């Protein structure tokens, strides 16, 4: 939830795929612990 819920949430506006992914995702600070704790999903933008 930490890398999606803070972002834009709304009905589908049929925006282009790239913009849809960026509006809904955010990253969390990178560290050895955060990488391990989140399974590297702290890089949520890159993952999406």
ModelCIF file with pLDDT and N, C-alpha, C, O atoms, coordinates in Angstrom:
data_MODEL
#
_entry.id   MODEL 
#
_entity.id                         1 
_entity.type                       polymer 
_entity.pdbx_number_of_molecules   1 
#
_entity_poly.entity_id                      1 
_entity_poly.type                           'polypeptide(L)' 
_entity_poly.nstd_linkage                   no 
_entity_poly.nstd_monomer                   no 
_entity_poly.pdbx_seq_one_letter_code       
;(UNK)(UNK)(UNK)(UNK)(UNK)(UNK)(UNK)(UNK)(UNK)(UNK)(UNK)(UNK)(UNK)(UNK)(UNK)(UNK)
(UNK)(UNK)(UNK)(UNK)(UNK)(UNK)(UNK)(UNK)(UNK)(UNK)(UNK)(UNK)(UNK)(UNK)(UNK)(UNK)
(UNK)(UNK)(UNK)(UNK)(UNK)(UNK)(UNK)(UNK)(UNK)(UNK)(UNK)(UNK)(UNK)(UNK)(UNK)(UNK)
;
_entity_poly.pdbx_seq_one_letter_code_can   XXXXXXXXXXXXXXXXXXXXXXXXXXXXXXXXXXXXXXXXXXXXXXXX 
_entity_poly.pdbx_strand_id                 A 
#
loop_
_entity_poly_seq.entity_id 
_entity_poly_seq.num 
_entity_poly_seq.mon_id 
_entity_poly_seq.hetero 
1 1  UNK n 
1 2  UNK n 
1 3  UNK n 
1 4  UNK n 
1 5  UNK n 
1 6  UNK n 
1 7  UNK n 
1 8  UNK n 
1 9  UNK n 
1 10 UNK n 
1 11 UNK n 
1 12 UNK n 
1 13 UNK n 
1 14 UNK n 
1 15 UNK n 
1 16 UNK n 
1 17 UNK n 
1 18 UNK n 
1 19 UNK n 
1 20 UNK n 
1 21 UNK n 
1 22 UNK n 
1 23 UNK n 
1 24 UNK n 
1 25 UNK n 
1 26 UNK n 
1 27 UNK n 
1 28 UNK n 
1 29 UNK n 
1 30 UNK n 
1 31 UNK n 
1 32 UNK n 
1 33 UNK n 
1 34 UNK n 
1 35 UNK n 
1 36 UNK n 
1 37 UNK n 
1 38 UNK n 
1 39 UNK n 
1 40 UNK n 
1 41 UNK n 
1 42 UNK n 
1 43 UNK n 
1 44 UNK n 
1 45 UNK n 
1 46 UNK n 
1 47 UNK n 
1 48 UNK n 
#
_struct_asym.id          A 
_struct_asym.entity_id   1 
#
loop_
_ma_qa_metric.id 
_ma_qa_metric.mode 
_ma_qa_metric.name 
_ma_qa_metric.software_group_id 
_ma_qa_metric.type 
1 global pLDDT . pLDDT 
2 local  pLDDT . pLDDT 
#
_ma_qa_metric_global.metric_id      1 
_ma_qa_metric_global.metric_value   94.77 
_ma_qa_metric_global.model_id       1 
_ma_qa_metric_global.ordinal_id     1 
#
loop_
_ma_qa_metric_local.label_asym_id 
_ma_qa_metric_local.label_comp_id 
_ma_qa_metric_local.label_seq_id 
_ma_qa_metric_local.metric_id 
_ma_qa_metric_local.metric_value 
_ma_qa_metric_local.model_id 
_ma_qa_metric_local.ordinal_id 
A UNK 1  2 87.00 1 1  
A UNK 2  2 90.00 1 2  
A UNK 3  2 92.00 1 3  
A UNK 4  2 93.00 1 4  
A UNK 5  2 89.00 1 5  
A UNK 6  2 90.00 1 6  
A UNK 7  2 94.00 1 7  
A UNK 8  2 93.00 1 8  
A UNK 9  2 94.00 1 9  
A UNK 10 2 94.00 1 10 
A UNK 11 2 94.00 1 11 
A UNK 12 2 94.00 1 12 
A UNK 13 2 93.00 1 13 
A UNK 14 2 93.00 1 14 
A UNK 15 2 94.00 1 15 
A UNK 16 2 96.00 1 16 
A UNK 17 2 95.00 1 17 
A UNK 18 2 96.00 1 18 
A UNK 19 2 96.00 1 19 
A UNK 20 2 96.00 1 20 
A UNK 21 2 97.00 1 21 
A UNK 22 2 96.00 1 22 
A UNK 23 2 96.00 1 23 
A UNK 24 2 96.00 1 24 
A UNK 25 2 96.00 1 25 
A UNK 26 2 96.00 1 26 
A UNK 27 2 96.00 1 27 
A UNK 28 2 95.00 1 28 
A UNK 29 2 94.00 1 29 
A UNK 30 2 93.00 1 30 
A UNK 31 2 95.00 1 31 
A UNK 32 2 95.00 1 32 
A UNK 33 2 96.00 1 33 
A UNK 34 2 95.00 1 34 
A UNK 35 2 96.00 1 35 
A UNK 36 2 96.00 1 36 
A UNK 37 2 96.00 1 37 
A UNK 38 2 96.00 1 38 
A UNK 39 2 96.00 1 39 
A UNK 40 2 96.00 1 40 
A UNK 41 2 96.00 1 41 
A UNK 42 2 96.00 1 42 
A UNK 43 2 97.00 1 43 
A UNK 44 2 97.00 1 44 
A UNK 45 2 97.00 1 45 
A UNK 46 2 97.00 1 46 
A UNK 47 2 97.00 1 47 
A UNK 48 2 97.00 1 48 
#
loop_
_atom_site.group_PDB 
_atom_site.id 
_atom_site.type_symbol 
_atom_site.label_atom_id 
_atom_site.label_alt_id 
_atom_site.label_comp_id 
_atom_site.label_asym_id 
_atom_site.label_entity_id 
_atom_site.label_seq_id 
_atom_site.pdbx_PDB_ins_code 
_atom_site.Cartn_x 
_atom_site.Cartn_y 
_atom_site.Cartn_z 
_atom_site.occupancy 
_atom_site.B_iso_or_equiv 
_atom_site.pdbx_formal_charge 
_atom_site.auth_seq_id 
_atom_site.auth_comp_id 
_atom_site.auth_asym_id 
_atom_site.auth_atom_id 
_atom_site.pdbx_PDB_model_num 
ATOM 1   N N  . UNK A 1 1  ? 0.799   -1.221 0.000   1.00 87.00 ? 1  UNK A N  1 
ATOM 2   C CA . UNK A 1 1  ? 0.000   0.000  0.000   1.00 87.00 ? 1  UNK A CA 1 
ATOM 3   C C  . UNK A 1 1  ? 0.837   1.278  0.000   1.00 87.00 ? 1  UNK A C  1 
ATOM 4   O O  . UNK A 1 1  ? 0.378   2.315  -0.478  1.00 87.00 ? 1  UNK A O  1 
ATOM 5   N N  . UNK A 1 2  ? 2.056   1.214  0.530   1.00 90.00 ? 2  UNK A N  1 
ATOM 6   C CA . UNK A 1 2  ? 2.828   2.445  0.693   1.00 90.00 ? 2  UNK A CA 1 
ATOM 7   C C  . UNK A 1 2  ? 3.233   3.055  -0.645  1.00 90.00 ? 2  UNK A C  1 
ATOM 8   O O  . UNK A 1 2  ? 3.521   4.250  -0.709  1.00 90.00 ? 2  UNK A O  1 
ATOM 9   N N  . UNK A 1 3  ? 3.260   2.265  -1.706  1.00 92.00 ? 3  UNK A N  1 
ATOM 10  C CA . UNK A 1 3  ? 3.694   2.796  -2.989  1.00 92.00 ? 3  UNK A CA 1 
ATOM 11  C C  . UNK A 1 3  ? 2.549   2.958  -3.997  1.00 92.00 ? 3  UNK A C  1 
ATOM 12  O O  . UNK A 1 3  ? 2.796   3.174  -5.184  1.00 92.00 ? 3  UNK A O  1 
ATOM 13  N N  . UNK A 1 4  ? 1.298   2.854  -3.529  1.00 93.00 ? 4  UNK A N  1 
ATOM 14  C CA . UNK A 1 4  ? 0.136   3.074  -4.391  1.00 93.00 ? 4  UNK A CA 1 
ATOM 15  C C  . UNK A 1 4  ? -0.907  4.013  -3.771  1.00 93.00 ? 4  UNK A C  1 
ATOM 16  O O  . UNK A 1 4  ? -1.366  4.949  -4.425  1.00 93.00 ? 4  UNK A O  1 
ATOM 17  N N  . UNK A 1 5  ? -1.274  3.765  -2.529  1.00 89.00 ? 5  UNK A N  1 
ATOM 18  C CA . UNK A 1 5  ? -2.362  4.507  -1.900  1.00 89.00 ? 5  UNK A CA 1 
ATOM 19  C C  . UNK A 1 5  ? -2.106  6.021  -1.826  1.00 89.00 ? 5  UNK A C  1 
ATOM 20  O O  . UNK A 1 5  ? -3.062  6.787  -1.946  1.00 89.00 ? 5  UNK A O  1 
ATOM 21  N N  . UNK A 1 6  ? -0.853  6.494  -1.632  1.00 90.00 ? 6  UNK A N  1 
ATOM 22  C CA . UNK A 1 6  ? -0.646  7.945  -1.601  1.00 90.00 ? 6  UNK A CA 1 
ATOM 23  C C  . UNK A 1 6  ? -0.873  8.626  -2.954  1.00 90.00 ? 6  UNK A C  1 
ATOM 24  O O  . UNK A 1 6  ? -0.919  9.854  -3.023  1.00 90.00 ? 6  UNK A O  1 
ATOM 25  N N  . UNK A 1 7  ? -1.014  7.851  -4.017  1.00 94.00 ? 7  UNK A N  1 
ATOM 26  C CA . UNK A 1 7  ? -1.088  8.416  -5.358  1.00 94.00 ? 7  UNK A CA 1 
ATOM 27  C C  . UNK A 1 7  ? -2.537  8.622  -5.815  1.00 94.00 ? 7  UNK A C  1 
ATOM 28  O O  . UNK A 1 7  ? -3.478  8.426  -5.046  1.00 94.00 ? 7  UNK A O  1 
ATOM 29  N N  . UNK A 1 8  ? -2.694  9.016  -7.063  1.00 93.00 ? 8  UNK A N  1 
ATOM 30  C CA . UNK A 1 8  ? -3.997  9.354  -7.640  1.00 93.00 ? 8  UNK A CA 1 
ATOM 31  C C  . UNK A 1 8  ? -4.891  8.111  -7.717  1.00 93.00 ? 8  UNK A C  1 
ATOM 32  O O  . UNK A 1 8  ? -4.498  7.095  -8.290  1.00 93.00 ? 8  UNK A O  1 
ATOM 33  N N  . UNK A 1 9  ? -6.092  8.196  -7.138  1.00 94.00 ? 9  UNK A N  1 
ATOM 34  C CA . UNK A 1 9  ? -7.070  7.103  -7.175  1.00 94.00 ? 9  UNK A CA 1 
ATOM 35  C C  . UNK A 1 9  ? -8.388  7.661  -7.693  1.00 94.00 ? 9  UNK A C  1 
ATOM 36  O O  . UNK A 1 9  ? -8.917  8.620  -7.130  1.00 94.00 ? 9  UNK A O  1 
ATOM 37  N N  . UNK A 1 10 ? -8.915  7.081  -8.743  1.00 94.00 ? 10 UNK A N  1 
ATOM 38  C CA . UNK A 1 10 ? -10.145 7.602  -9.335  1.00 94.00 ? 10 UNK A CA 1 
ATOM 39  C C  . UNK A 1 10 ? -10.728 6.548  -10.270 1.00 94.00 ? 10 UNK A C  1 
ATOM 40  O O  . UNK A 1 10 ? -10.164 5.466  -10.433 1.00 94.00 ? 10 UNK A O  1 
ATOM 41  N N  . UNK A 1 11 ? -11.876 6.881  -10.887 1.00 94.00 ? 11 UNK A N  1 
ATOM 42  C CA . UNK A 1 11 ? -12.416 6.015  -11.931 1.00 94.00 ? 11 UNK A CA 1 
ATOM 43  C C  . UNK A 1 11 ? -11.453 6.026  -13.118 1.00 94.00 ? 11 UNK A C  1 
ATOM 44  O O  . UNK A 1 11 ? -10.630 6.931  -13.255 1.00 94.00 ? 11 UNK A O  1 
ATOM 45  N N  . UNK A 1 12 ? -11.564 5.022  -13.961 1.00 94.00 ? 12 UNK A N  1 
ATOM 46  C CA . UNK A 1 12 ? -10.705 4.933  -15.131 1.00 94.00 ? 12 UNK A CA 1 
ATOM 47  C C  . UNK A 1 12 ? -11.032 6.066  -16.100 1.00 94.00 ? 12 UNK A C  1 
ATOM 48  O O  . UNK A 1 12 ? -12.169 6.186  -16.555 1.00 94.00 ? 12 UNK A O  1 
ATOM 49  N N  . UNK A 1 13 ? -10.046 6.888  -16.413 1.00 93.00 ? 13 UNK A N  1 
ATOM 50  C CA . UNK A 1 13 ? -10.226 8.012  -17.334 1.00 93.00 ? 13 UNK A CA 1 
ATOM 51  C C  . UNK A 1 13 ? -9.706  7.686  -18.736 1.00 93.00 ? 13 UNK A C  1 
ATOM 52  O O  . UNK A 1 13 ? -9.647  8.559  -19.601 1.00 93.00 ? 13 UNK A O  1 
ATOM 53  N N  . UNK A 1 14 ? -9.331  6.423  -18.952 1.00 93.00 ? 14 UNK A N  1 
ATOM 54  C CA . UNK A 1 14 ? -8.794  5.997  -20.248 1.00 93.00 ? 14 UNK A CA 1 
ATOM 55  C C  . UNK A 1 14 ? -7.605  6.842  -20.692 1.00 93.00 ? 14 UNK A C  1 
ATOM 56  O O  . UNK A 1 14 ? -7.465  7.186  -21.866 1.00 93.00 ? 14 UNK A O  1 
ATOM 57  N N  . UNK A 1 15 ? -6.758  7.164  -19.727 1.00 94.00 ? 15 UNK A N  1 
ATOM 58  C CA . UNK A 1 15 ? -5.518  7.869  -20.039 1.00 94.00 ? 15 UNK A CA 1 
ATOM 59  C C  . UNK A 1 15 ? -4.547  6.865  -20.649 1.00 94.00 ? 15 UNK A C  1 
ATOM 60  O O  . UNK A 1 15 ? -4.701  5.659  -20.459 1.00 94.00 ? 15 UNK A O  1 
ATOM 61  N N  . UNK A 1 16 ? -3.551  7.352  -21.377 1.00 96.00 ? 16 UNK A N  1 
ATOM 62  C CA . UNK A 1 16 ? -2.585  6.441  -21.990 1.00 96.00 ? 16 UNK A CA 1 
ATOM 63  C C  . UNK A 1 16 ? -1.910  5.602  -20.915 1.00 96.00 ? 16 UNK A C  1 
ATOM 64  O O  . UNK A 1 16 ? -1.820  6.002  -19.754 1.00 96.00 ? 16 UNK A O  1 
ATOM 65  N N  . UNK A 1 17 ? -1.434  4.422  -21.329 1.00 95.00 ? 17 UNK A N  1 
ATOM 66  C CA . UNK A 1 17 ? -0.887  3.437  -20.389 1.00 95.00 ? 17 UNK A CA 1 
ATOM 67  C C  . UNK A 1 17 ? 0.250   4.009  -19.560 1.00 95.00 ? 17 UNK A C  1 
ATOM 68  O O  . UNK A 1 17 ? 0.277   3.822  -18.343 1.00 95.00 ? 17 UNK A O  1 
ATOM 69  N N  . UNK A 1 18 ? 1.191   4.704  -20.194 1.00 96.00 ? 18 UNK A N  1 
ATOM 70  C CA . UNK A 1 18 ? 2.366   5.225  -19.495 1.00 96.00 ? 18 UNK A CA 1 
ATOM 71  C C  . UNK A 1 18 ? 1.962   6.188  -18.386 1.00 96.00 ? 18 UNK A C  1 
ATOM 72  O O  . UNK A 1 18 ? 2.468   6.098  -17.268 1.00 96.00 ? 18 UNK A O  1 
ATOM 73  N N  . UNK A 1 19 ? 1.058   7.102  -18.689 1.00 96.00 ? 19 UNK A N  1 
ATOM 74  C CA . UNK A 1 19 ? 0.611   8.074  -17.690 1.00 96.00 ? 19 UNK A CA 1 
ATOM 75  C C  . UNK A 1 19 ? -0.158  7.400  -16.567 1.00 96.00 ? 19 UNK A C  1 
ATOM 76  O O  . UNK A 1 19 ? -0.037  7.784  -15.404 1.00 96.00 ? 19 UNK A O  1 
ATOM 77  N N  . UNK A 1 20 ? -0.954  6.388  -16.920 1.00 96.00 ? 20 UNK A N  1 
ATOM 78  C CA . UNK A 1 20 ? -1.718  5.651  -15.901 1.00 96.00 ? 20 UNK A CA 1 
ATOM 79  C C  . UNK A 1 20 ? -0.787  5.015  -14.877 1.00 96.00 ? 20 UNK A C  1 
ATOM 80  O O  . UNK A 1 20 ? -1.059  5.050  -13.677 1.00 96.00 ? 20 UNK A O  1 
ATOM 81  N N  . UNK A 1 21 ? 0.303   4.437  -15.350 1.00 97.00 ? 21 UNK A N  1 
ATOM 82  C CA . UNK A 1 21 ? 1.246   3.787  -14.443 1.00 97.00 ? 21 UNK A CA 1 
ATOM 83  C C  . UNK A 1 21 ? 1.934   4.811  -13.532 1.00 97.00 ? 21 UNK A C  1 
ATOM 84  O O  . UNK A 1 21 ? 2.103   4.565  -12.338 1.00 97.00 ? 21 UNK A O  1 
ATOM 85  N N  . UNK A 1 22 ? 2.326   5.944  -14.087 1.00 96.00 ? 22 UNK A N  1 
ATOM 86  C CA . UNK A 1 22 ? 3.043   6.951  -13.303 1.00 96.00 ? 22 UNK A CA 1 
ATOM 87  C C  . UNK A 1 22 ? 2.140   7.622  -12.278 1.00 96.00 ? 22 UNK A C  1 
ATOM 88  O O  . UNK A 1 22 ? 2.591   7.941  -11.178 1.00 96.00 ? 22 UNK A O  1 
ATOM 89  N N  . UNK A 1 23 ? 0.881   7.841  -12.617 1.00 96.00 ? 23 UNK A N  1 
ATOM 90  C CA . UNK A 1 23 ? -0.051  8.492  -11.691 1.00 96.00 ? 23 UNK A CA 1 
ATOM 91  C C  . UNK A 1 23 ? -0.342  7.630  -10.477 1.00 96.00 ? 23 UNK A C  1 
ATOM 92  O O  . UNK A 1 23 ? -0.717  8.146  -9.424  1.00 96.00 ? 23 UNK A O  1 
ATOM 93  N N  . UNK A 1 24 ? -0.173  6.315  -10.613 1.00 96.00 ? 24 UNK A N  1 
ATOM 94  C CA . UNK A 1 24 ? -0.604  5.395  -9.558  1.00 96.00 ? 24 UNK A CA 1 
ATOM 95  C C  . UNK A 1 24 ? 0.535   4.838  -8.725  1.00 96.00 ? 24 UNK A C  1 
ATOM 96  O O  . UNK A 1 24 ? 0.290   4.089  -7.779  1.00 96.00 ? 24 UNK A O  1 
ATOM 97  N N  . UNK A 1 25 ? 1.785   5.185  -9.053  1.00 96.00 ? 25 UNK A N  1 
ATOM 98  C CA . UNK A 1 25 ? 2.915   4.560  -8.368  1.00 96.00 ? 25 UNK A CA 1 
ATOM 99  C C  . UNK A 1 25 ? 3.885   5.602  -7.815  1.00 96.00 ? 25 UNK A C  1 
ATOM 100 O O  . UNK A 1 25 ? 4.049   6.686  -8.375  1.00 96.00 ? 25 UNK A O  1 
ATOM 101 N N  . UNK A 1 26 ? 4.511   5.250  -6.723  1.00 96.00 ? 26 UNK A N  1 
ATOM 102 C CA . UNK A 1 26 ? 5.586   6.086  -6.179  1.00 96.00 ? 26 UNK A CA 1 
ATOM 103 C C  . UNK A 1 26 ? 6.650   5.173  -5.582  1.00 96.00 ? 26 UNK A C  1 
ATOM 104 O O  . UNK A 1 26 ? 6.363   4.043  -5.188  1.00 96.00 ? 26 UNK A O  1 
ATOM 105 N N  . UNK A 1 27 ? 7.867   5.670  -5.521  1.00 96.00 ? 27 UNK A N  1 
ATOM 106 C CA . UNK A 1 27 ? 8.970   4.897  -4.968  1.00 96.00 ? 27 UNK A CA 1 
ATOM 107 C C  . UNK A 1 27 ? 9.178   5.207  -3.491  1.00 96.00 ? 27 UNK A C  1 
ATOM 108 O O  . UNK A 1 27 ? 8.726   6.234  -2.983  1.00 96.00 ? 27 UNK A O  1 
ATOM 109 N N  . UNK A 1 28 ? 9.863   4.307  -2.822  1.00 95.00 ? 28 UNK A N  1 
ATOM 110 C CA . UNK A 1 28 ? 10.229  4.462  -1.419  1.00 95.00 ? 28 UNK A CA 1 
ATOM 111 C C  . UNK A 1 28 ? 11.747  4.449  -1.338  1.00 95.00 ? 28 UNK A C  1 
ATOM 112 O O  . UNK A 1 28 ? 12.402  3.752  -2.113  1.00 95.00 ? 28 UNK A O  1 
ATOM 113 N N  . UNK A 1 29 ? 12.304  5.197  -0.426  1.00 94.00 ? 29 UNK A N  1 
ATOM 114 C CA . UNK A 1 29 ? 13.750  5.364  -0.314  1.00 94.00 ? 29 UNK A CA 1 
ATOM 115 C C  . UNK A 1 29 ? 14.500  4.049  -0.425  1.00 94.00 ? 29 UNK A C  1 
ATOM 116 O O  . UNK A 1 29 ? 14.117  3.051  0.186   1.00 94.00 ? 29 UNK A O  1 
ATOM 117 N N  . UNK A 1 30 ? 15.566  4.052  -1.204  1.00 93.00 ? 30 UNK A N  1 
ATOM 118 C CA . UNK A 1 30 ? 16.362  2.843  -1.412  1.00 93.00 ? 30 UNK A CA 1 
ATOM 119 C C  . UNK A 1 30 ? 17.374  2.655  -0.290  1.00 93.00 ? 30 UNK A C  1 
ATOM 120 O O  . UNK A 1 30 ? 18.087  3.590  0.077   1.00 93.00 ? 30 UNK A O  1 
ATOM 121 N N  . UNK A 1 31 ? 17.432  1.457  0.247   1.00 95.00 ? 31 UNK A N  1 
ATOM 122 C CA . UNK A 1 31 ? 18.444  1.056  1.217   1.00 95.00 ? 31 UNK A CA 1 
ATOM 123 C C  . UNK A 1 31 ? 18.499  -0.464 1.193   1.00 95.00 ? 31 UNK A C  1 
ATOM 124 O O  . UNK A 1 31 ? 17.604  -1.110 0.646   1.00 95.00 ? 31 UNK A O  1 
ATOM 125 N N  . UNK A 1 32 ? 19.531  -1.033 1.774   1.00 95.00 ? 32 UNK A N  1 
ATOM 126 C CA . UNK A 1 32 ? 19.628  -2.494 1.808   1.00 95.00 ? 32 UNK A CA 1 
ATOM 127 C C  . UNK A 1 32 ? 18.438  -3.098 2.536   1.00 95.00 ? 32 UNK A C  1 
ATOM 128 O O  . UNK A 1 32 ? 17.894  -4.118 2.111   1.00 95.00 ? 32 UNK A O  1 
ATOM 129 N N  . UNK A 1 33 ? 18.031  -2.463 3.641   1.00 96.00 ? 33 UNK A N  1 
ATOM 130 C CA . UNK A 1 33 ? 16.893  -2.982 4.391   1.00 96.00 ? 33 UNK A CA 1 
ATOM 131 C C  . UNK A 1 33 ? 15.599  -2.845 3.591   1.00 96.00 ? 33 UNK A C  1 
ATOM 132 O O  . UNK A 1 33 ? 14.825  -3.797 3.498   1.00 96.00 ? 33 UNK A O  1 
ATOM 133 N N  . UNK A 1 34 ? 15.360  -1.666 3.012   1.00 95.00 ? 34 UNK A N  1 
ATOM 134 C CA . UNK A 1 34 ? 14.120  -1.454 2.259   1.00 95.00 ? 34 UNK A CA 1 
ATOM 135 C C  . UNK A 1 34 ? 14.038  -2.370 1.048   1.00 95.00 ? 34 UNK A C  1 
ATOM 136 O O  . UNK A 1 34 ? 12.962  -2.870 0.719   1.00 95.00 ? 34 UNK A O  1 
ATOM 137 N N  . UNK A 1 35 ? 15.171  -2.596 0.380   1.00 96.00 ? 35 UNK A N  1 
ATOM 138 C CA . UNK A 1 35 ? 15.181  -3.524 -0.756  1.00 96.00 ? 35 UNK A CA 1 
ATOM 139 C C  . UNK A 1 35 ? 14.754  -4.917 -0.309  1.00 96.00 ? 35 UNK A C  1 
ATOM 140 O O  . UNK A 1 35 ? 13.936  -5.567 -0.960  1.00 96.00 ? 35 UNK A O  1 
ATOM 141 N N  . UNK A 1 36 ? 15.321  -5.367 0.812   1.00 96.00 ? 36 UNK A N  1 
ATOM 142 C CA . UNK A 1 36 ? 14.998  -6.707 1.332   1.00 96.00 ? 36 UNK A CA 1 
ATOM 143 C C  . UNK A 1 36 ? 13.571  -6.768 1.864   1.00 96.00 ? 36 UNK A C  1 
ATOM 144 O O  . UNK A 1 36 ? 12.829  -7.702 1.561   1.00 96.00 ? 36 UNK A O  1 
ATOM 145 N N  . UNK A 1 37 ? 13.190  -5.768 2.657   1.00 96.00 ? 37 UNK A N  1 
ATOM 146 C CA . UNK A 1 37 ? 11.884  -5.770 3.310   1.00 96.00 ? 37 UNK A CA 1 
ATOM 147 C C  . UNK A 1 37 ? 10.739  -5.739 2.295   1.00 96.00 ? 37 UNK A C  1 
ATOM 148 O O  . UNK A 1 37 ? 9.701   -6.363 2.518   1.00 96.00 ? 37 UNK A O  1 
ATOM 149 N N  . UNK A 1 38 ? 10.916  -5.026 1.194   1.00 96.00 ? 38 UNK A N  1 
ATOM 150 C CA . UNK A 1 38 ? 9.848   -4.845 0.211   1.00 96.00 ? 38 UNK A CA 1 
ATOM 151 C C  . UNK A 1 38 ? 9.998   -5.738 -1.014  1.00 96.00 ? 38 UNK A C  1 
ATOM 152 O O  . UNK A 1 38 ? 9.189   -5.653 -1.939  1.00 96.00 ? 38 UNK A O  1 
ATOM 153 N N  . UNK A 1 39 ? 11.019  -6.595 -1.036  1.00 96.00 ? 39 UNK A N  1 
ATOM 154 C CA . UNK A 1 39 ? 11.236  -7.397 -2.233  1.00 96.00 ? 39 UNK A CA 1 
ATOM 155 C C  . UNK A 1 39 ? 11.533  -6.541 -3.447  1.00 96.00 ? 39 UNK A C  1 
ATOM 156 O O  . UNK A 1 39 ? 11.180  -6.900 -4.570  1.00 96.00 ? 39 UNK A O  1 
ATOM 157 N N  . UNK A 1 40 ? 12.189  -5.397 -3.219  1.00 96.00 ? 40 UNK A N  1 
ATOM 158 C CA . UNK A 1 40 ? 12.525  -4.407 -4.246  1.00 96.00 ? 40 UNK A CA 1 
ATOM 159 C C  . UNK A 1 40 ? 11.285  -3.705 -4.810  1.00 96.00 ? 40 UNK A C  1 
ATOM 160 O O  . UNK A 1 40 ? 11.371  -3.043 -5.844  1.00 96.00 ? 40 UNK A O  1 
ATOM 161 N N  . UNK A 1 41 ? 10.134  -3.841 -4.142  1.00 96.00 ? 41 UNK A N  1 
ATOM 162 C CA . UNK A 1 41 ? 8.954   -3.113 -4.593  1.00 96.00 ? 41 UNK A CA 1 
ATOM 163 C C  . UNK A 1 41 ? 8.966   -1.666 -4.117  1.00 96.00 ? 41 UNK A C  1 
ATOM 164 O O  . UNK A 1 41 ? 8.009   -0.928 -4.347  1.00 96.00 ? 41 UNK A O  1 
ATOM 165 N N  . UNK A 1 42 ? 10.039  -1.260 -3.458  1.00 96.00 ? 42 UNK A N  1 
ATOM 166 C CA . UNK A 1 42 ? 10.244  0.160  -3.208  1.00 96.00 ? 42 UNK A CA 1 
ATOM 167 C C  . UNK A 1 42 ? 10.563  0.879  -4.520  1.00 96.00 ? 42 UNK A C  1 
ATOM 168 O O  . UNK A 1 42 ? 10.452  2.102  -4.601  1.00 96.00 ? 42 UNK A O  1 
ATOM 169 N N  . UNK A 1 43 ? 10.960  0.117  -5.554  1.00 97.00 ? 43 UNK A N  1 
ATOM 170 C CA . UNK A 1 43 ? 11.106  0.663  -6.905  1.00 97.00 ? 43 UNK A CA 1 
ATOM 171 C C  . UNK A 1 43 ? 9.805   0.408  -7.683  1.00 97.00 ? 43 UNK A C  1 
ATOM 172 O O  . UNK A 1 43 ? 9.820   -0.246 -8.726  1.00 97.00 ? 43 UNK A O  1 
ATOM 173 N N  . UNK A 1 44 ? 8.706   0.917  -7.181  1.00 97.00 ? 44 UNK A N  1 
ATOM 174 C CA . UNK A 1 44 ? 7.405   0.590  -7.754  1.00 97.00 ? 44 UNK A CA 1 
ATOM 175 C C  . UNK A 1 44 ? 7.196   1.204  -9.133  1.00 97.00 ? 44 UNK A C  1 
ATOM 176 O O  . UNK A 1 44 ? 6.551   0.599  -9.989  1.00 97.00 ? 44 UNK A O  1 
ATOM 177 N N  . UNK A 1 45 ? 7.735   2.397  -9.354  1.00 97.00 ? 45 UNK A N  1 
ATOM 178 C CA . UNK A 1 45 ? 7.597   3.038  -10.673 1.00 97.00 ? 45 UNK A CA 1 
ATOM 179 C C  . UNK A 1 45 ? 8.265   2.178  -11.734 1.00 97.00 ? 45 UNK A C  1 
ATOM 180 O O  . UNK A 1 45 ? 7.664   1.871  -12.763 1.00 97.00 ? 45 UNK A O  1 
ATOM 181 N N  . UNK A 1 46 ? 9.509   1.790  -11.478 1.00 97.00 ? 46 UNK A N  1 
ATOM 182 C CA . UNK A 1 46 ? 10.238  0.958  -12.436 1.00 97.00 ? 46 UNK A CA 1 
ATOM 183 C C  . UNK A 1 46 ? 9.537   -0.378 -12.643 1.00 97.00 ? 46 UNK A C  1 
ATOM 184 O O  . UNK A 1 46 ? 9.476   -0.888 -13.762 1.00 97.00 ? 46 UNK A O  1 
ATOM 185 N N  . UNK A 1 47 ? 9.006   -0.945 -11.556 1.00 97.00 ? 47 UNK A N  1 
ATOM 186 C CA . UNK A 1 47 ? 8.330   -2.237 -11.678 1.00 97.00 ? 47 UNK A CA 1 
ATOM 187 C C  . UNK A 1 47 ? 7.101   -2.149 -12.573 1.00 97.00 ? 47 UNK A C  1 
ATOM 188 O O  . UNK A 1 47 ? 6.857   -3.045 -13.380 1.00 97.00 ? 47 UNK A O  1 
ATOM 189 N N  . UNK A 1 48 ? 6.330   -1.082 -12.437 1.00 97.00 ? 48 UNK A N  1 
ATOM 190 C CA . UNK A 1 48 ? 5.115   -0.960 -13.246 1.00 97.00 ? 48 UNK A CA 1 
ATOM 191 C C  . UNK A 1 48 ? 5.419   -0.613 -14.704 1.00 97.00 ? 48 UNK A C  1 
ATOM 192 O O  . UNK A 1 48 ? 4.500   -0.476 -15.511 1.00 97.00 ? 48 UNK A O  1 
#
